[in-house]
Amino acid sequence: MGNCNYQPDRDSDSGFGLGAWLFGFFIGAIGGVTVGLLVAPKSGKELRGDLKENARAIPERASELMDDTLDLYASGVNYAQLAVEDQTMRVKRAVAAGKLAAAKKREELDYSSSTVMPFQHN
């Protein structure tokens, strides 16, 4: 059997980002609306009117989509920042607790090595 533990490299950038995703979404939405209008049982005049109306609304809808996407992105960045700060604080507390425990143990060892028991000889 071969190696079944393949995991894709998550650090490599495939070249597609949020902009490409938004562009694809935008084109798909336009195509979906267009197909929906074309297959609807309407007269040519009604269909042209609907197409014009939808075409006029595209910039506003795109703007709303971009605003919503940016808000979502900002929320995600804010959440990530808070998560990093929380983890940093946990690590700092753990390091401080470790230093304190090490200092206490060092003090115990120093104290026990400096005291002479009655049965010990110097």
PDB file of N, CA and C in Angstrom:
ATOM      1  N   MET A   1       0.835  -1.179   0.000  1.00  0.00           N
ATOM      2  CA  MET A   1       0.000   0.000   0.000  1.00  0.00           C
ATOM      3  C   MET A   1       0.878   1.240   0.000  1.00  0.00           C
ATOM      4  N   GLY A   2       0.385   2.273  -0.588  1.00  0.00           N
ATOM      5  CA  GLY A   2       1.113   3.529  -0.656  1.00  0.00           C
ATOM      6  C   GLY A   2       0.850   4.394   0.555  1.00  0.00           C
ATOM      7  N   ASN A   3       1.438   5.537   0.522  1.00  0.00           N
ATOM      8  CA  ASN A   3       1.265   6.499   1.609  1.00  0.00           C
ATOM      9  C   ASN A   3      -0.109   7.139   1.489  1.00  0.00           C
ATOM     10  N   CYS A   4      -0.986   6.895   2.462  1.00  0.00           N
ATOM     11  CA  CYS A   4      -2.358   7.421   2.428  1.00  0.00           C
ATOM     12  C   CYS A   4      -2.508   8.678   3.264  1.00  0.00           C
ATOM     13  N   ASN A   5      -1.417   9.217   3.732  1.00  0.00           N
ATOM     14  CA  ASN A   5      -1.477  10.391   4.598  1.00  0.00           C
ATOM     15  C   ASN A   5      -1.161  11.666   3.849  1.00  0.00           C
ATOM     16  N   TYR A   6      -1.563  11.740   2.615  1.00  0.00           N
ATOM     17  CA  TYR A   6      -1.304  12.943   1.820  1.00  0.00           C
ATOM     18  C   TYR A   6      -2.133  14.096   2.348  1.00  0.00           C
ATOM     19  N   GLN A   7      -1.468  15.212   2.574  1.00  0.00           N
ATOM     20  CA  GLN A   7      -2.160  16.431   2.953  1.00  0.00           C
ATOM     21  C   GLN A   7      -1.684  17.530   2.030  1.00  0.00           C
ATOM     22  N   PRO A   8      -2.611  18.269   1.449  1.00  0.00           N
ATOM     23  CA  PRO A   8      -2.200  19.335   0.536  1.00  0.00           C
ATOM     24  C   PRO A   8      -1.446  20.418   1.287  1.00  0.00           C
ATOM     25  N   ASP A   9      -0.541  21.059   0.577  1.00  0.00           N
ATOM     26  CA  ASP A   9       0.242  22.147   1.157  1.00  0.00           C
ATOM     27  C   ASP A   9      -0.650  23.364   1.304  1.00  0.00           C
ATOM     28  N   ARG A  10      -1.001  23.695   2.525  1.00  0.00           N
ATOM     29  CA  ARG A  10      -1.929  24.793   2.762  1.00  0.00           C
ATOM     30  C   ARG A  10      -1.244  26.152   2.703  1.00  0.00           C
ATOM     31  N   ASP A  11       0.085  26.168   2.738  1.00  0.00           N
ATOM     32  CA  ASP A  11       0.800  27.433   2.708  1.00  0.00           C
ATOM     33  C   ASP A  11       1.002  27.960   1.299  1.00  0.00           C
ATOM     34  N   SER A  12       0.871  27.078   0.304  1.00  0.00           N
ATOM     35  CA  SER A  12       1.113  27.537  -1.060  1.00  0.00           C
ATOM     36  C   SER A  12      -0.070  28.352  -1.541  1.00  0.00           C
ATOM     37  N   ASP A  13       0.208  29.398  -2.272  1.00  0.00           N
ATOM     38  CA  ASP A  13      -0.842  30.278  -2.775  1.00  0.00           C
ATOM     39  C   ASP A  13      -1.179  29.833  -4.184  1.00  0.00           C
ATOM     40  N   SER A  14      -2.436  29.489  -4.405  1.00  0.00           N
ATOM     41  CA  SER A  14      -2.831  28.998  -5.715  1.00  0.00           C
ATOM     42  C   SER A  14      -3.043  30.126  -6.714  1.00  0.00           C
ATOM     43  N   GLY A  15      -2.966  31.371  -6.257  1.00  0.00           N
ATOM     44  CA  GLY A  15      -3.127  32.499  -7.156  1.00  0.00           C
ATOM     45  C   GLY A  15      -4.552  33.002  -7.222  1.00  0.00           C
ATOM     46  N   PHE A  16      -5.485  32.316  -6.604  1.00  0.00           N
ATOM     47  CA  PHE A  16      -6.885  32.739  -6.601  1.00  0.00           C
ATOM     48  C   PHE A  16      -7.211  33.279  -5.223  1.00  0.00           C
ATOM     49  N   GLY A  17      -7.718  34.495  -5.203  1.00  0.00           N
ATOM     50  CA  GLY A  17      -8.042  35.108  -3.930  1.00  0.00           C
ATOM     51  C   GLY A  17      -9.485  35.532  -3.880  1.00  0.00           C
ATOM     52  N   LEU A  18      -9.758  36.414  -2.985  1.00  0.00           N
ATOM     53  CA  LEU A  18     -11.107  36.919  -2.778  1.00  0.00           C
ATOM     54  C   LEU A  18     -11.618  37.625  -4.035  1.00  0.00           C
ATOM     55  N   GLY A  19     -10.757  38.373  -4.696  1.00  0.00           N
ATOM     56  CA  GLY A  19     -11.175  39.079  -5.902  1.00  0.00           C
ATOM     57  C   GLY A  19     -11.639  38.131  -6.990  1.00  0.00           C
ATOM     58  N   ALA A  20     -10.923  37.045  -7.184  1.00  0.00           N
ATOM     59  CA  ALA A  20     -11.312  36.069  -8.202  1.00  0.00           C
ATOM     60  C   ALA A  20     -12.622  35.400  -7.823  1.00  0.00           C
ATOM     61  N   TRP A  21     -12.790  35.103  -6.542  1.00  0.00           N
ATOM     62  CA  TRP A  21     -14.028  34.495  -6.081  1.00  0.00           C
ATOM     63  C   TRP A  21     -15.207  35.444  -6.311  1.00  0.00           C
ATOM     64  N   LEU A  22     -15.025  36.705  -5.938  1.00  0.00           N
ATOM     65  CA  LEU A  22     -16.093  37.687  -6.131  1.00  0.00           C
ATOM     66  C   LEU A  22     -16.438  37.857  -7.606  1.00  0.00           C
ATOM     67  N   PHE A  23     -15.419  37.888  -8.456  1.00  0.00           N
ATOM     68  CA  PHE A  23     -15.648  38.017  -9.890  1.00  0.00           C
ATOM     69  C   PHE A  23     -16.464  36.835 -10.406  1.00  0.00           C
ATOM     70  N   GLY A  24     -16.081  35.630  -9.997  1.00  0.00           N
ATOM     71  CA  GLY A  24     -16.818  34.434 -10.410  1.00  0.00           C
ATOM     72  C   GLY A  24     -18.246  34.447  -9.902  1.00  0.00           C
ATOM     73  N   PHE A  25     -18.419  34.870  -8.663  1.00  0.00           N
ATOM     74  CA  PHE A  25     -19.764  34.959  -8.086  1.00  0.00           C
ATOM     75  C   PHE A  25     -20.609  35.962  -8.866  1.00  0.00           C
ATOM     76  N   PHE A  26     -20.018  37.105  -9.168  1.00  0.00           N
ATOM     77  CA  PHE A  26     -20.712  38.170  -9.890  1.00  0.00           C
ATOM     78  C   PHE A  26     -21.132  37.687 -11.284  1.00  0.00           C
ATOM     79  N   ILE A  27     -20.230  37.057 -11.996  1.00  0.00           N
ATOM     80  CA  ILE A  27     -20.531  36.552 -13.343  1.00  0.00           C
ATOM     81  C   ILE A  27     -21.610  35.467 -13.255  1.00  0.00           C
ATOM     82  N   GLY A  28     -21.515  34.594 -12.272  1.00  0.00           N
ATOM     83  CA  GLY A  28     -22.520  33.546 -12.103  1.00  0.00           C
ATOM     84  C   GLY A  28     -23.890  34.119 -11.796  1.00  0.00           C
ATOM     85  N   ALA A  29     -23.939  35.159 -10.968  1.00  0.00           N
ATOM     86  CA  ALA A  29     -25.221  35.786 -10.635  1.00  0.00           C
ATOM     87  C   ALA A  29     -25.847  36.424 -11.872  1.00  0.00           C
ATOM     88  N   ILE A  30     -25.018  37.112 -12.637  1.00  0.00           N
ATOM     89  CA  ILE A  30     -25.525  37.737 -13.865  1.00  0.00           C
ATOM     90  C   ILE A  30     -26.042  36.666 -14.826  1.00  0.00           C
ATOM     91  N   GLY A  31     -25.285  35.610 -14.982  1.00  0.00           N
ATOM     92  CA  GLY A  31     -25.710  34.529 -15.876  1.00  0.00           C
ATOM     93  C   GLY A  31     -26.995  33.878 -15.398  1.00  0.00           C
ATOM     94  N   GLY A  32     -27.108  33.651 -14.101  1.00  0.00           N
ATOM     95  CA  GLY A  32     -28.314  33.035 -13.551  1.00  0.00           C
ATOM     96  C   GLY A  32     -29.543  33.903 -13.754  1.00  0.00           C
ATOM     97  N   VAL A  33     -29.398  35.187 -13.506  1.00  0.00           N
ATOM     98  CA  VAL A  33     -30.526  36.108 -13.710  1.00  0.00           C
ATOM     99  C   VAL A  33     -30.914  36.151 -15.181  1.00  0.00           C
ATOM    100  N   THR A  34     -29.927  36.206 -16.041  1.00  0.00           N
ATOM    101  CA  THR A  34     -30.197  36.275 -17.479  1.00  0.00           C
ATOM    102  C   THR A  34     -30.918  35.026 -17.963  1.00  0.00           C
ATOM    103  N   VAL A  35     -30.435  33.866 -17.579  1.00  0.00           N
ATOM    104  CA  VAL A  35     -31.081  32.611 -17.995  1.00  0.00           C
ATOM    105  C   VAL A  35     -32.499  32.538 -17.430  1.00  0.00           C
ATOM    106  N   GLY A  36     -32.643  32.946 -16.165  1.00  0.00           N
ATOM    107  CA  GLY A  36     -33.968  32.930 -15.556  1.00  0.00           C
ATOM    108  C   GLY A  36     -34.949  33.816 -16.291  1.00  0.00           C
ATOM    109  N   LEU A  37     -34.484  34.969 -16.707  1.00  0.00           N
ATOM    110  CA  LEU A  37     -35.361  35.881 -17.443  1.00  0.00           C
ATOM    111  C   LEU A  37     -35.680  35.370 -18.840  1.00  0.00           C
ATOM    112  N   LEU A  38     -34.684  34.762 -19.475  1.00  0.00           N
ATOM    113  CA  LEU A  38     -34.894  34.282 -20.844  1.00  0.00           C
ATOM    114  C   LEU A  38     -35.855  33.106 -20.913  1.00  0.00           C
ATOM    115  N   VAL A  39     -35.892  32.277 -19.896  1.00  0.00           N
ATOM    116  CA  VAL A  39     -36.780  31.118 -19.935  1.00  0.00           C
ATOM    117  C   VAL A  39     -38.152  31.432 -19.335  1.00  0.00           C
ATOM    118  N   ALA A  40     -38.314  32.601 -18.769  1.00  0.00           N
ATOM    119  CA  ALA A  40     -39.610  32.989 -18.205  1.00  0.00           C
ATOM    120  C   ALA A  40     -40.593  33.267 -19.334  1.00  0.00           C
ATOM    121  N   PRO A  41     -41.841  32.891 -19.147  1.00  0.00           N
ATOM    122  CA  PRO A  41     -42.837  33.122 -20.212  1.00  0.00           C
ATOM    123  C   PRO A  41     -43.307  34.578 -20.218  1.00  0.00           C
ATOM    124  N   LYS A  42     -42.571  35.410 -20.922  1.00  0.00           N
ATOM    125  CA  LYS A  42     -42.915  36.835 -21.024  1.00  0.00           C
ATOM    126  C   LYS A  42     -42.809  37.259 -22.481  1.00  0.00           C
ATOM    127  N   SER A  43     -43.434  38.367 -22.770  1.00  0.00           N
ATOM    128  CA  SER A  43     -43.322  38.911 -24.119  1.00  0.00           C
ATOM    129  C   SER A  43     -41.947  39.544 -24.287  1.00  0.00           C
ATOM    130  N   GLY A  44     -41.572  39.796 -25.510  1.00  0.00           N
ATOM    131  CA  GLY A  44     -40.269  40.399 -25.794  1.00  0.00           C
ATOM    132  C   GLY A  44     -40.113  41.761 -25.146  1.00  0.00           C
ATOM    133  N   LYS A  45     -41.176  42.559 -25.172  1.00  0.00           N
ATOM    134  CA  LYS A  45     -41.109  43.897 -24.591  1.00  0.00           C
ATOM    135  C   LYS A  45     -40.932  43.818 -23.070  1.00  0.00           C
ATOM    136  N   GLU A  46     -41.679  42.907 -22.433  1.00  0.00           N
ATOM    137  CA  GLU A  46     -41.537  42.734 -20.978  1.00  0.00           C
ATOM    138  C   GLU A  46     -40.143  42.227 -20.623  1.00  0.00           C
ATOM    139  N   LEU A  47     -39.655  41.290 -21.416  1.00  0.00           N
ATOM    140  CA  LEU A  47     -38.339  40.711 -21.165  1.00  0.00           C
ATOM    141  C   LEU A  47     -37.255  41.766 -21.293  1.00  0.00           C
ATOM    142  N   ARG A  48     -37.333  42.599 -22.342  1.00  0.00           N
ATOM    143  CA  ARG A  48     -36.339  43.663 -22.511  1.00  0.00           C
ATOM    144  C   ARG A  48     -36.411  44.660 -21.354  1.00  0.00           C
ATOM    145  N   GLY A  49     -37.614  44.975 -20.921  1.00  0.00           N
ATOM    146  CA  GLY A  49     -37.770  45.883 -19.783  1.00  0.00           C
ATOM    147  C   GLY A  49     -37.157  45.304 -18.515  1.00  0.00           C
ATOM    148  N   ASP A  50     -37.395  44.013 -18.288  1.00  0.00           N
ATOM    149  CA  ASP A  50     -36.815  43.357 -17.111  1.00  0.00           C
ATOM    150  C   ASP A  50     -35.289  43.324 -17.182  1.00  0.00           C
ATOM    151  N   LEU A  51     -34.772  43.034 -18.395  1.00  0.00           N
ATOM    152  CA  LEU A  51     -33.311  43.011 -18.559  1.00  0.00           C
ATOM    153  C   LEU A  51     -32.705  44.386 -18.286  1.00  0.00           C
ATOM    154  N   LYS A  52     -33.350  45.441 -18.802  1.00  0.00           N
ATOM    155  CA  LYS A  52     -32.849  46.802 -18.561  1.00  0.00           C
ATOM    156  C   LYS A  52     -32.892  47.134 -17.070  1.00  0.00           C
ATOM    157  N   GLU A  53     -33.990  46.763 -16.423  1.00  0.00           N
ATOM    158  CA  GLU A  53     -34.140  47.041 -14.994  1.00  0.00           C
ATOM    159  C   GLU A  53     -33.071  46.319 -14.177  1.00  0.00           C
ATOM    160  N   ASN A  54     -32.856  45.060 -14.508  1.00  0.00           N
ATOM    161  CA  ASN A  54     -31.833  44.290 -13.798  1.00  0.00           C
ATOM    162  C   ASN A  54     -30.432  44.799 -14.110  1.00  0.00           C
ATOM    163  N   ALA A  55     -30.206  45.209 -15.337  1.00  0.00           N
ATOM    164  CA  ALA A  55     -28.891  45.738 -15.705  1.00  0.00           C
ATOM    165  C   ALA A  55     -28.596  47.026 -14.943  1.00  0.00           C
ATOM    166  N   ARG A  56     -29.615  47.844 -14.737  1.00  0.00           N
ATOM    167  CA  ARG A  56     -29.423  49.090 -13.975  1.00  0.00           C
ATOM    168  C   ARG A  56     -29.143  48.798 -12.500  1.00  0.00           C
ATOM    169  N   ALA A  57     -29.690  47.711 -11.993  1.00  0.00           N
ATOM    170  CA  ALA A  57     -29.529  47.375 -10.578  1.00  0.00           C
ATOM    171  C   ALA A  57     -28.203  46.672 -10.284  1.00  0.00           C
ATOM    172  N   ILE A  58     -27.505  46.220 -11.312  1.00  0.00           N
ATOM    173  CA  ILE A  58     -26.261  45.468 -11.099  1.00  0.00           C
ATOM    174  C   ILE A  58     -25.217  46.272 -10.322  1.00  0.00           C
ATOM    175  N   PRO A  59     -24.932  47.519 -10.675  1.00  0.00           N
ATOM    176  CA  PRO A  59     -23.911  48.250  -9.898  1.00  0.00           C
ATOM    177  C   PRO A  59     -24.275  48.380  -8.416  1.00  0.00           C
ATOM    178  N   GLU A  60     -25.549  48.630  -8.133  1.00  0.00           N
ATOM    179  CA  GLU A  60     -25.965  48.753  -6.740  1.00  0.00           C
ATOM    180  C   GLU A  60     -25.822  47.416  -6.003  1.00  0.00           C
ATOM    181  N   ARG A  61     -26.252  46.359  -6.667  1.00  0.00           N
ATOM    182  CA  ARG A  61     -26.128  45.022  -6.059  1.00  0.00           C
ATOM    183  C   ARG A  61     -24.661  44.644  -5.862  1.00  0.00           C
ATOM    184  N   ALA A  62     -23.830  44.965  -6.840  1.00  0.00           N
ATOM    185  CA  ALA A  62     -22.399  44.672  -6.718  1.00  0.00           C
ATOM    186  C   ALA A  62     -21.791  45.466  -5.575  1.00  0.00           C
ATOM    187  N   SER A  63     -22.213  46.713  -5.432  1.00  0.00           N
ATOM    188  CA  SER A  63     -21.720  47.546  -4.343  1.00  0.00           C
ATOM    189  C   SER A  63     -22.140  46.972  -2.993  1.00  0.00           C
ATOM    190  N   GLU A  64     -23.397  46.547  -2.897  1.00  0.00           N
ATOM    191  CA  GLU A  64     -23.875  45.941  -1.654  1.00  0.00           C
ATOM    192  C   GLU A  64     -23.115  44.657  -1.346  1.00  0.00           C
ATOM    193  N   LEU A  65     -22.891  43.855  -2.370  1.00  0.00           N
ATOM    194  CA  LEU A  65     -22.151  42.610  -2.192  1.00  0.00           C
ATOM    195  C   LEU A  65     -20.727  42.897  -1.732  1.00  0.00           C
ATOM    196  N   MET A  66     -20.098  43.904  -2.331  1.00  0.00           N
ATOM    197  CA  MET A  66     -18.738  44.254  -1.947  1.00  0.00           C
ATOM    198  C   MET A  66     -18.704  44.766  -0.505  1.00  0.00           C
ATOM    199  N   ASP A  67     -19.669  45.599  -0.133  1.00  0.00           N
ATOM    200  CA  ASP A  67     -19.730  46.103   1.245  1.00  0.00           C
ATOM    201  C   ASP A  67     -19.919  44.964   2.238  1.00  0.00           C
ATOM    202  N   ASP A  68     -20.831  44.052   1.916  1.00  0.00           N
ATOM    203  CA  ASP A  68     -21.066  42.909   2.802  1.00  0.00           C
ATOM    204  C   ASP A  68     -19.821  42.039   2.916  1.00  0.00           C
ATOM    205  N   THR A  69     -19.154  41.840   1.788  1.00  0.00           N
ATOM    206  CA  THR A  69     -17.940  41.024   1.791  1.00  0.00           C
ATOM    207  C   THR A  69     -16.838  41.680   2.611  1.00  0.00           C
ATOM    208  N   LEU A  70     -16.676  42.974   2.463  1.00  0.00           N
ATOM    209  CA  LEU A  70     -15.659  43.684   3.239  1.00  0.00           C
ATOM    210  C   LEU A  70     -15.983  43.661   4.730  1.00  0.00           C
ATOM    211  N   ASP A  71     -17.263  43.801   5.070  1.00  0.00           N
ATOM    212  CA  ASP A  71     -17.667  43.698   6.477  1.00  0.00           C
ATOM    213  C   ASP A  71     -17.354  42.315   7.029  1.00  0.00           C
ATOM    214  N   LEU A  72     -17.659  41.296   6.241  1.00  0.00           N
ATOM    215  CA  LEU A  72     -17.377  39.930   6.664  1.00  0.00           C
ATOM    216  C   LEU A  72     -15.876  39.714   6.815  1.00  0.00           C
ATOM    217  N   TYR A  73     -15.100  40.227   5.889  1.00  0.00           N
ATOM    218  CA  TYR A  73     -13.640  40.118   5.954  1.00  0.00           C
ATOM    219  C   TYR A  73     -13.109  40.816   7.204  1.00  0.00           C
ATOM    220  N   ALA A  74     -13.608  42.038   7.474  1.00  0.00           N
ATOM    221  CA  ALA A  74     -13.158  42.778   8.656  1.00  0.00           C
ATOM    222  C   ALA A  74     -13.528  42.033   9.934  1.00  0.00           C
ATOM    223  N   SER A  75     -14.716  41.434   9.962  1.00  0.00           N
ATOM    224  CA  SER A  75     -15.121  40.657  11.129  1.00  0.00           C
ATOM    225  C   SER A  75     -14.206  39.453  11.317  1.00  0.00           C
ATOM    226  N   GLY A  76     -13.874  38.796  10.225  1.00  0.00           N
ATOM    227  CA  GLY A  76     -12.970  37.653  10.303  1.00  0.00           C
ATOM    228  C   GLY A  76     -11.593  38.039  10.784  1.00  0.00           C
ATOM    229  N   VAL A  77     -11.081  39.155  10.290  1.00  0.00           N
ATOM    230  CA  VAL A  77      -9.765  39.634  10.729  1.00  0.00           C
ATOM    231  C   VAL A  77      -9.808  39.986  12.215  1.00  0.00           C
ATOM    232  N   ASN A  78     -10.887  40.657  12.637  1.00  0.00           N
ATOM    233  CA  ASN A  78     -11.033  41.024  14.037  1.00  0.00           C
ATOM    234  C   ASN A  78     -11.086  39.777  14.921  1.00  0.00           C
ATOM    235  N   TYR A  79     -11.852  38.777  14.498  1.00  0.00           N
ATOM    236  CA  TYR A  79     -11.945  37.529  15.251  1.00  0.00           C
ATOM    237  C   TYR A  79     -10.577  36.856  15.347  1.00  0.00           C
ATOM    238  N   ALA A  80      -9.861  36.805  14.248  1.00  0.00           N
ATOM    239  CA  ALA A  80      -8.532  36.189  14.246  1.00  0.00           C
ATOM    240  C   ALA A  80      -7.584  36.940  15.174  1.00  0.00           C
ATOM    241  N   GLN A  81      -7.651  38.252  15.156  1.00  0.00           N
ATOM    242  CA  GLN A  81      -6.799  39.053  16.024  1.00  0.00           C
ATOM    243  C   GLN A  81      -7.110  38.764  17.493  1.00  0.00           C
ATOM    244  N   LEU A  82      -8.390  38.686  17.833  1.00  0.00           N
ATOM    245  CA  LEU A  82      -8.771  38.391  19.212  1.00  0.00           C
ATOM    246  C   LEU A  82      -8.319  36.991  19.614  1.00  0.00           C
ATOM    247  N   ALA A  83      -8.425  36.039  18.698  1.00  0.00           N
ATOM    248  CA  ALA A  83      -7.990  34.674  18.993  1.00  0.00           C
ATOM    249  C   ALA A  83      -6.483  34.622  19.224  1.00  0.00           C
ATOM    250  N   VAL A  84      -5.726  35.342  18.413  1.00  0.00           N
ATOM    251  CA  VAL A  84      -4.266  35.382  18.582  1.00  0.00           C
ATOM    252  C   VAL A  84      -3.910  36.040  19.911  1.00  0.00           C
ATOM    253  N   GLU A  85      -4.588  37.138  20.244  1.00  0.00           N
ATOM    254  CA  GLU A  85      -4.324  37.811  21.518  1.00  0.00           C
ATOM    255  C   GLU A  85      -4.646  36.892  22.689  1.00  0.00           C
ATOM    256  N   ASP A  86      -5.748  36.146  22.589  1.00  0.00           N
ATOM    257  CA  ASP A  86      -6.121  35.218  23.655  1.00  0.00           C
ATOM    258  C   ASP A  86      -5.068  34.121  23.822  1.00  0.00           C
ATOM    259  N   GLN A  87      -4.627  33.554  22.718  1.00  0.00           N
ATOM    260  CA  GLN A  87      -3.609  32.508  22.790  1.00  0.00           C
ATOM    261  C   GLN A  87      -2.292  33.060  23.317  1.00  0.00           C
ATOM    262  N   THR A  88      -1.960  34.287  22.906  1.00  0.00           N
ATOM    263  CA  THR A  88      -0.724  34.914  23.402  1.00  0.00           C
ATOM    264  C   THR A  88      -0.797  35.087  24.909  1.00  0.00           C
ATOM    265  N   MET A  89      -1.938  35.524  25.414  1.00  0.00           N
ATOM    266  CA  MET A  89      -2.096  35.707  26.851  1.00  0.00           C
ATOM    267  C   MET A  89      -1.990  34.372  27.582  1.00  0.00           C
ATOM    268  N   ARG A  90      -2.567  33.319  27.013  1.00  0.00           N
ATOM    269  CA  ARG A  90      -2.472  31.984  27.632  1.00  0.00           C
ATOM    270  C   ARG A  90      -1.018  31.518  27.700  1.00  0.00           C
ATOM    271  N   VAL A  91      -0.277  31.736  26.620  1.00  0.00           N
ATOM    272  CA  VAL A  91       1.121  31.324  26.595  1.00  0.00           C
ATOM    273  C   VAL A  91       1.919  32.126  27.620  1.00  0.00           C
ATOM    274  N   LYS A  92       1.661  33.434  27.707  1.00  0.00           N
ATOM    275  CA  LYS A  92       2.369  34.262  28.679  1.00  0.00           C
ATOM    276  C   LYS A  92       2.093  33.790  30.102  1.00  0.00           C
ATOM    277  N   ARG A  93       0.821  33.458  30.393  1.00  0.00           N
ATOM    278  CA  ARG A  93       0.482  32.953  31.732  1.00  0.00           C
ATOM    279  C   ARG A  93       1.172  31.630  32.002  1.00  0.00           C
ATOM    280  N   ALA A  94       1.207  30.749  31.015  1.00  0.00           N
ATOM    281  CA  ALA A  94       1.855  29.447  31.194  1.00  0.00           C
ATOM    282  C   ALA A  94       3.352  29.616  31.423  1.00  0.00           C
ATOM    283  N   VAL A  95       3.980  30.527  30.680  1.00  0.00           N
ATOM    284  CA  VAL A  95       5.412  30.776  30.862  1.00  0.00           C
ATOM    285  C   VAL A  95       5.676  31.347  32.255  1.00  0.00           C
ATOM    286  N   ALA A  96       4.829  32.293  32.686  1.00  0.00           N
ATOM    287  CA  ALA A  96       4.997  32.883  34.014  1.00  0.00           C
ATOM    288  C   ALA A  96       4.826  31.818  35.102  1.00  0.00           C
ATOM    289  N   ALA A  97       3.830  30.938  34.948  1.00  0.00           N
ATOM    290  CA  ALA A  97       3.621  29.869  35.919  1.00  0.00           C
ATOM    291  C   ALA A  97       4.811  28.916  35.929  1.00  0.00           C
ATOM    292  N   GLY A  98       5.345  28.627  34.764  1.00  0.00           N
ATOM    293  CA  GLY A  98       6.529  27.759  34.686  1.00  0.00           C
ATOM    294  C   GLY A  98       7.736  28.390  35.341  1.00  0.00           C
ATOM    295  N   LYS A  99       7.935  29.689  35.133  1.00  0.00           N
ATOM    296  CA  LYS A  99       9.058  30.380  35.772  1.00  0.00           C
ATOM    297  C   LYS A  99       8.907  30.374  37.285  1.00  0.00           C
ATOM    298  N   LEU A 100       7.686  30.602  37.764  1.00  0.00           N
ATOM    299  CA  LEU A 100       7.430  30.603  39.197  1.00  0.00           C
ATOM    300  C   LEU A 100       7.688  29.229  39.793  1.00  0.00           C
ATOM    301  N   ALA A 101       7.208  28.188  39.135  1.00  0.00           N
ATOM    302  CA  ALA A 101       7.428  26.826  39.616  1.00  0.00           C
ATOM    303  C   ALA A 101       8.914  26.487  39.616  1.00  0.00           C
ATOM    304  N   ALA A 102       9.637  26.916  38.589  1.00  0.00           N
ATOM    305  CA  ALA A 102      11.080  26.654  38.526  1.00  0.00           C
ATOM    306  C   ALA A 102      11.813  27.393  39.640  1.00  0.00           C
ATOM    307  N   ALA A 103      11.406  28.638  39.898  1.00  0.00           N
ATOM    308  CA  ALA A 103      12.042  29.399  40.976  1.00  0.00           C
ATOM    309  C   ALA A 103      11.777  28.751  42.333  1.00  0.00           C
ATOM    310  N   LYS A 104      10.563  28.283  42.573  1.00  0.00           N
ATOM    311  CA  LYS A 104      10.231  27.610  43.836  1.00  0.00           C
ATOM    312  C   LYS A 104      11.046  26.332  43.991  1.00  0.00           C
ATOM    313  N   LYS A 105      11.146  25.566  42.929  1.00  0.00           N
ATOM    314  CA  LYS A 105      11.911  24.314  42.985  1.00  0.00           C
ATOM    315  C   LYS A 105      13.394  24.600  43.215  1.00  0.00           C
ATOM    316  N   ARG A 106      13.900  25.637  42.538  1.00  0.00           N
ATOM    317  CA  ARG A 106      15.307  26.019  42.726  1.00  0.00           C
ATOM    318  C   ARG A 106      15.548  26.422  44.180  1.00  0.00           C
ATOM    319  N   GLU A 107      14.604  27.172  44.736  1.00  0.00           N
ATOM    320  CA  GLU A 107      14.719  27.601  46.129  1.00  0.00           C
ATOM    321  C   GLU A 107      14.685  26.398  47.066  1.00  0.00           C
ATOM    322  N   GLU A 108      13.791  25.437  46.793  1.00  0.00           N
ATOM    323  CA  GLU A 108      13.736  24.216  47.600  1.00  0.00           C
ATOM    324  C   GLU A 108      15.054  23.452  47.535  1.00  0.00           C
ATOM    325  N   LEU A 109      15.603  23.346  46.329  1.00  0.00           N
ATOM    326  CA  LEU A 109      16.864  22.619  46.165  1.00  0.00           C
ATOM    327  C   LEU A 109      18.010  23.340  46.864  1.00  0.00           C
ATOM    328  N   ASP A 110      18.049  24.655  46.757  1.00  0.00           N
ATOM    329  CA  ASP A 110      19.097  25.422  47.433  1.00  0.00           C
ATOM    330  C   ASP A 110      18.975  25.276  48.943  1.00  0.00           C
ATOM    331  N   TYR A 111      17.757  25.323  49.449  1.00  0.00           N
ATOM    332  CA  TYR A 111      17.532  25.221  50.882  1.00  0.00           C
ATOM    333  C   TYR A 111      17.902  23.833  51.385  1.00  0.00           C
ATOM    334  N   SER A 112      17.498  22.802  50.640  1.00  0.00           N
ATOM    335  CA  SER A 112      17.790  21.438  51.087  1.00  0.00           C
ATOM    336  C   SER A 112      19.274  21.122  50.983  1.00  0.00           C
ATOM    337  N   SER A 113      20.003  21.720  50.088  1.00  0.00           N
ATOM    338  CA  SER A 113      21.431  21.430  49.970  1.00  0.00           C
ATOM    339  C   SER A 113      22.240  22.225  50.996  1.00  0.00           C
ATOM    340  N   SER A 114      21.668  23.320  51.505  1.00  0.00           N
ATOM    341  CA  SER A 114      22.413  24.124  52.472  1.00  0.00           C
ATOM    342  C   SER A 114      22.154  23.698  53.907  1.00  0.00           C
ATOM    343  N   THR A 115      21.096  22.973  54.174  1.00  0.00           N
ATOM    344  CA  THR A 115      20.843  22.529  55.544  1.00  0.00           C
ATOM    345  C   THR A 115      21.547  21.214  55.781  1.00  0.00           C
ATOM    346  N   VAL A 116      22.104  21.096  56.962  1.00  0.00           N
ATOM    347  CA  VAL A 116      22.834  19.890  57.325  1.00  0.00           C
ATOM    348  C   VAL A 116      21.961  19.110  58.298  1.00  0.00           C
ATOM    349  N   MET A 117      21.708  17.903  57.968  1.00  0.00           N
ATOM    350  CA  MET A 117      20.928  17.026  58.816  1.00  0.00           C
ATOM    351  C   MET A 117      21.825  16.523  59.947  1.00  0.00           C
ATOM    352  N   PRO A 118      21.243  16.181  61.042  1.00  0.00           N
ATOM    353  CA  PRO A 118      22.054  15.748  62.195  1.00  0.00           C
ATOM    354  C   PRO A 118      22.908  14.524  61.900  1.00  0.00           C
ATOM    355  N   PHE A 119      22.483  13.659  61.017  1.00  0.00           N
ATOM    356  CA  PHE A 119      23.246  12.453  60.736  1.00  0.00           C
ATOM    357  C   PHE A 119      24.238  12.638  59.591  1.00  0.00           C
ATOM    358  N   GLN A 120      24.266  13.830  58.969  1.00  0.00           N
ATOM    359  CA  GLN A 120      25.191  14.071  57.867  1.00  0.00           C
ATOM    360  C   GLN A 120      26.517  14.582  58.420  1.00  0.00           C
ATOM    361  N   HIS A 121      27.583  14.315  57.700  1.00  0.00           N
ATOM    362  CA  HIS A 121      28.911  14.803  58.063  1.00  0.00           C
ATOM    363  C   HIS A 121      29.382  15.798  57.019  1.00  0.00           C
ATOM    364  N   ASN A 122      29.964  16.864  57.468  1.00  0.00           N
ATOM    365  CA  ASN A 122      30.515  17.858  56.548  1.00  0.00           C
ATOM    366  C   ASN A 122      31.929  17.574  56.206  1.00  0.00           C
TER     367      ASN A 122
END
